[in-house]
């Protein structure tokens, strides 16, 4: 079992992402998403965390809640990858501490 993110970690990611979904810009129902899941050795590093609204978070996990006809789970994962890689270039390392 993995420890939950601390409130300080969660707030730091929300602040970094402007208290809105990094993909669609919504400020409703915000959640933290691990790009590389902890179960696949993804870290709790900011390099691996992104703020998503509940709809985008669901789509990142393959559940299309709002009927995005133009986005797939693969598209969402690509969008997340590009966001995090651009933010931390050239040192992006989601596997790091």
C-alpha atoms as a PDB file:
ATOM      1  CA  UNK A   1       0.000   0.000   0.000  1.00  0.00           C
ATOM      2  CA  UNK A   2       1.275   3.452  -0.895  1.00  0.00           C
ATOM      3  CA  UNK A   3       1.154   6.472   1.373  1.00  0.00           C
ATOM      4  CA  UNK A   4      -1.184   9.209   0.244  1.00  0.00           C
ATOM      5  CA  UNK A   5       0.217  12.469  -0.981  1.00  0.00           C
ATOM      6  CA  UNK A   6       0.494  14.992   1.807  1.00  0.00           C
ATOM      7  CA  UNK A   7      -1.673  18.100   1.726  1.00  0.00           C
ATOM      8  CA  UNK A   8       1.497  20.130   1.159  1.00  0.00           C
ATOM      9  CA  UNK A   9       2.435  18.023  -1.895  1.00  0.00           C
ATOM     10  CA  UNK A  10      -1.085  18.251  -3.292  1.00  0.00           C
ATOM     11  CA  UNK A  11      -1.301  22.024  -2.780  1.00  0.00           C
ATOM     12  CA  UNK A  12       2.120  22.533  -4.388  1.00  0.00           C
ATOM     13  CA  UNK A  13       0.965  20.762  -7.566  1.00  0.00           C
ATOM     14  CA  UNK A  14      -2.340  22.671  -7.607  1.00  0.00           C
ATOM     15  CA  UNK A  15      -0.393  25.936  -7.196  1.00  0.00           C
ATOM     16  CA  UNK A  16       2.116  25.008  -9.913  1.00  0.00           C
ATOM     17  CA  UNK A  17      -0.758  24.265 -12.323  1.00  0.00           C
ATOM     18  CA  UNK A  18      -2.609  27.483 -11.488  1.00  0.00           C
ATOM     19  CA  UNK A  19      -5.416  25.757  -9.542  1.00  0.00           C
ATOM     20  CA  UNK A  20      -6.912  24.440 -12.777  1.00  0.00           C
ATOM     21  CA  UNK A  21      -6.849  21.324 -14.916  1.00  0.00           C
ATOM     22  CA  UNK A  22      -3.595  21.361 -16.851  1.00  0.00           C
ATOM     23  CA  UNK A  23      -5.378  19.908 -19.886  1.00  0.00           C
ATOM     24  CA  UNK A  24      -8.758  21.650 -20.205  1.00  0.00           C
ATOM     25  CA  UNK A  25      -8.433  24.598 -17.802  1.00  0.00           C
ATOM     26  CA  UNK A  26     -11.419  23.680 -15.616  1.00  0.00           C
ATOM     27  CA  UNK A  27     -11.181  24.653 -11.951  1.00  0.00           C
ATOM     28  CA  UNK A  28     -13.885  22.187 -10.844  1.00  0.00           C
ATOM     29  CA  UNK A  29     -13.329  18.827  -9.144  1.00  0.00           C
ATOM     30  CA  UNK A  30      -9.538  18.947  -9.256  1.00  0.00           C
ATOM     31  CA  UNK A  31      -7.502  15.820  -8.612  1.00  0.00           C
ATOM     32  CA  UNK A  32      -3.854  14.850  -8.741  1.00  0.00           C
ATOM     33  CA  UNK A  33      -2.835  12.275 -11.353  1.00  0.00           C
ATOM     34  CA  UNK A  34       0.368  10.231 -11.439  1.00  0.00           C
ATOM     35  CA  UNK A  35       1.599  10.084 -15.044  1.00  0.00           C
ATOM     36  CA  UNK A  36       3.496   6.889 -14.270  1.00  0.00           C
ATOM     37  CA  UNK A  37       1.403   4.972 -11.715  1.00  0.00           C
ATOM     38  CA  UNK A  38       3.015   4.240  -8.386  1.00  0.00           C
ATOM     39  CA  UNK A  39       2.405   0.544  -9.060  1.00  0.00           C
ATOM     40  CA  UNK A  40       4.700   0.888 -12.091  1.00  0.00           C
ATOM     41  CA  UNK A  41       7.397   2.565  -9.961  1.00  0.00           C
ATOM     42  CA  UNK A  42       6.166   6.095 -10.638  1.00  0.00           C
ATOM     43  CA  UNK A  43       7.202   8.563  -7.977  1.00  0.00           C
ATOM     44  CA  UNK A  44       5.423  11.263  -6.000  1.00  0.00           C
ATOM     45  CA  UNK A  45       7.841  13.774  -7.520  1.00  0.00           C
ATOM     46  CA  UNK A  46       6.305  16.883  -9.104  1.00  0.00           C
ATOM     47  CA  UNK A  47       7.802  15.591 -12.377  1.00  0.00           C
ATOM     48  CA  UNK A  48       5.239  12.756 -12.243  1.00  0.00           C
ATOM     49  CA  UNK A  49       2.200  14.673 -10.950  1.00  0.00           C
ATOM     50  CA  UNK A  50      -0.365  16.778 -12.775  1.00  0.00           C
ATOM     51  CA  UNK A  51      -3.595  18.529 -11.817  1.00  0.00           C
ATOM     52  CA  UNK A  52      -6.587  17.181 -13.728  1.00  0.00           C
ATOM     53  CA  UNK A  53     -10.320  17.773 -13.421  1.00  0.00           C
ATOM     54  CA  UNK A  54     -12.356  14.657 -12.692  1.00  0.00           C
ATOM     55  CA  UNK A  55     -13.399  14.306 -16.360  1.00  0.00           C
ATOM     56  CA  UNK A  56      -9.836  14.504 -17.706  1.00  0.00           C
ATOM     57  CA  UNK A  57      -8.612  12.253 -14.869  1.00  0.00           C
ATOM     58  CA  UNK A  58     -11.214   9.640 -15.765  1.00  0.00           C
ATOM     59  CA  UNK A  59     -10.198   9.800 -19.429  1.00  0.00           C
ATOM     60  CA  UNK A  60      -6.539   9.396 -18.425  1.00  0.00           C
ATOM     61  CA  UNK A  61      -7.668   6.081 -16.896  1.00  0.00           C
ATOM     62  CA  UNK A  62      -9.707   5.083 -19.953  1.00  0.00           C
ATOM     63  CA  UNK A  63     -13.157   6.182 -18.771  1.00  0.00           C
ATOM     64  CA  UNK A  64     -14.865   8.720 -21.004  1.00  0.00           C
ATOM     65  CA  UNK A  65     -17.376  10.444 -18.694  1.00  0.00           C
ATOM     66  CA  UNK A  66     -18.318  13.386 -20.896  1.00  0.00           C
ATOM     67  CA  UNK A  67     -18.281  11.835 -24.335  1.00  0.00           C
ATOM     68  CA  UNK A  68     -15.089  13.383 -25.695  1.00  0.00           C
ATOM     69  CA  UNK A  69     -15.404  12.233 -29.272  1.00  0.00           C
ATOM     70  CA  UNK A  70     -12.094  13.771 -30.251  1.00  0.00           C
ATOM     71  CA  UNK A  71      -9.940  12.468 -27.376  1.00  0.00           C
ATOM     72  CA  UNK A  72      -8.861   8.959 -26.513  1.00  0.00           C
ATOM     73  CA  UNK A  73      -7.006   7.675 -23.484  1.00  0.00           C
ATOM     74  CA  UNK A  74      -3.840   7.635 -25.612  1.00  0.00           C
ATOM     75  CA  UNK A  75      -4.432  11.283 -26.588  1.00  0.00           C
ATOM     76  CA  UNK A  76      -4.854  12.236 -22.931  1.00  0.00           C
ATOM     77  CA  UNK A  77      -1.676  10.407 -21.936  1.00  0.00           C
ATOM     78  CA  UNK A  78       0.194  12.202 -24.739  1.00  0.00           C
ATOM     79  CA  UNK A  79      -1.160  15.583 -23.571  1.00  0.00           C
ATOM     80  CA  UNK A  80      -0.041  14.846 -20.001  1.00  0.00           C
ATOM     81  CA  UNK A  81       3.384  13.710 -21.184  1.00  0.00           C
ATOM     82  CA  UNK A  82       3.880  16.878 -23.224  1.00  0.00           C
ATOM     83  CA  UNK A  83       2.727  19.138 -20.370  1.00  0.00           C
ATOM     84  CA  UNK A  84       5.113  17.600 -17.841  1.00  0.00           C
ATOM     85  CA  UNK A  85       8.027  17.276 -20.255  1.00  0.00           C
ATOM     86  CA  UNK A  86       7.662  20.909 -21.365  1.00  0.00           C
ATOM     87  CA  UNK A  87       7.429  22.111 -17.758  1.00  0.00           C
ATOM     88  CA  UNK A  88      10.587  20.352 -16.629  1.00  0.00           C
ATOM     89  CA  UNK A  89      12.671  20.245 -19.835  1.00  0.00           C
ATOM     90  CA  UNK A  90      15.436  19.281 -20.192  1.00  0.00           C
ATOM     91  CA  UNK A  91      15.526  17.437 -16.844  1.00  0.00           C
ATOM     92  CA  UNK A  92      12.158  15.662 -16.908  1.00  0.00           C
ATOM     93  CA  UNK A  93      12.401  12.470 -14.845  1.00  0.00           C
ATOM     94  CA  UNK A  94       9.087  11.068 -13.564  1.00  0.00           C
ATOM     95  CA  UNK A  95      10.917   8.076 -12.101  1.00  0.00           C
ATOM     96  CA  UNK A  96      13.028  10.247  -9.793  1.00  0.00           C
ATOM     97  CA  UNK A  97      12.523  10.840  -6.070  1.00  0.00           C
END
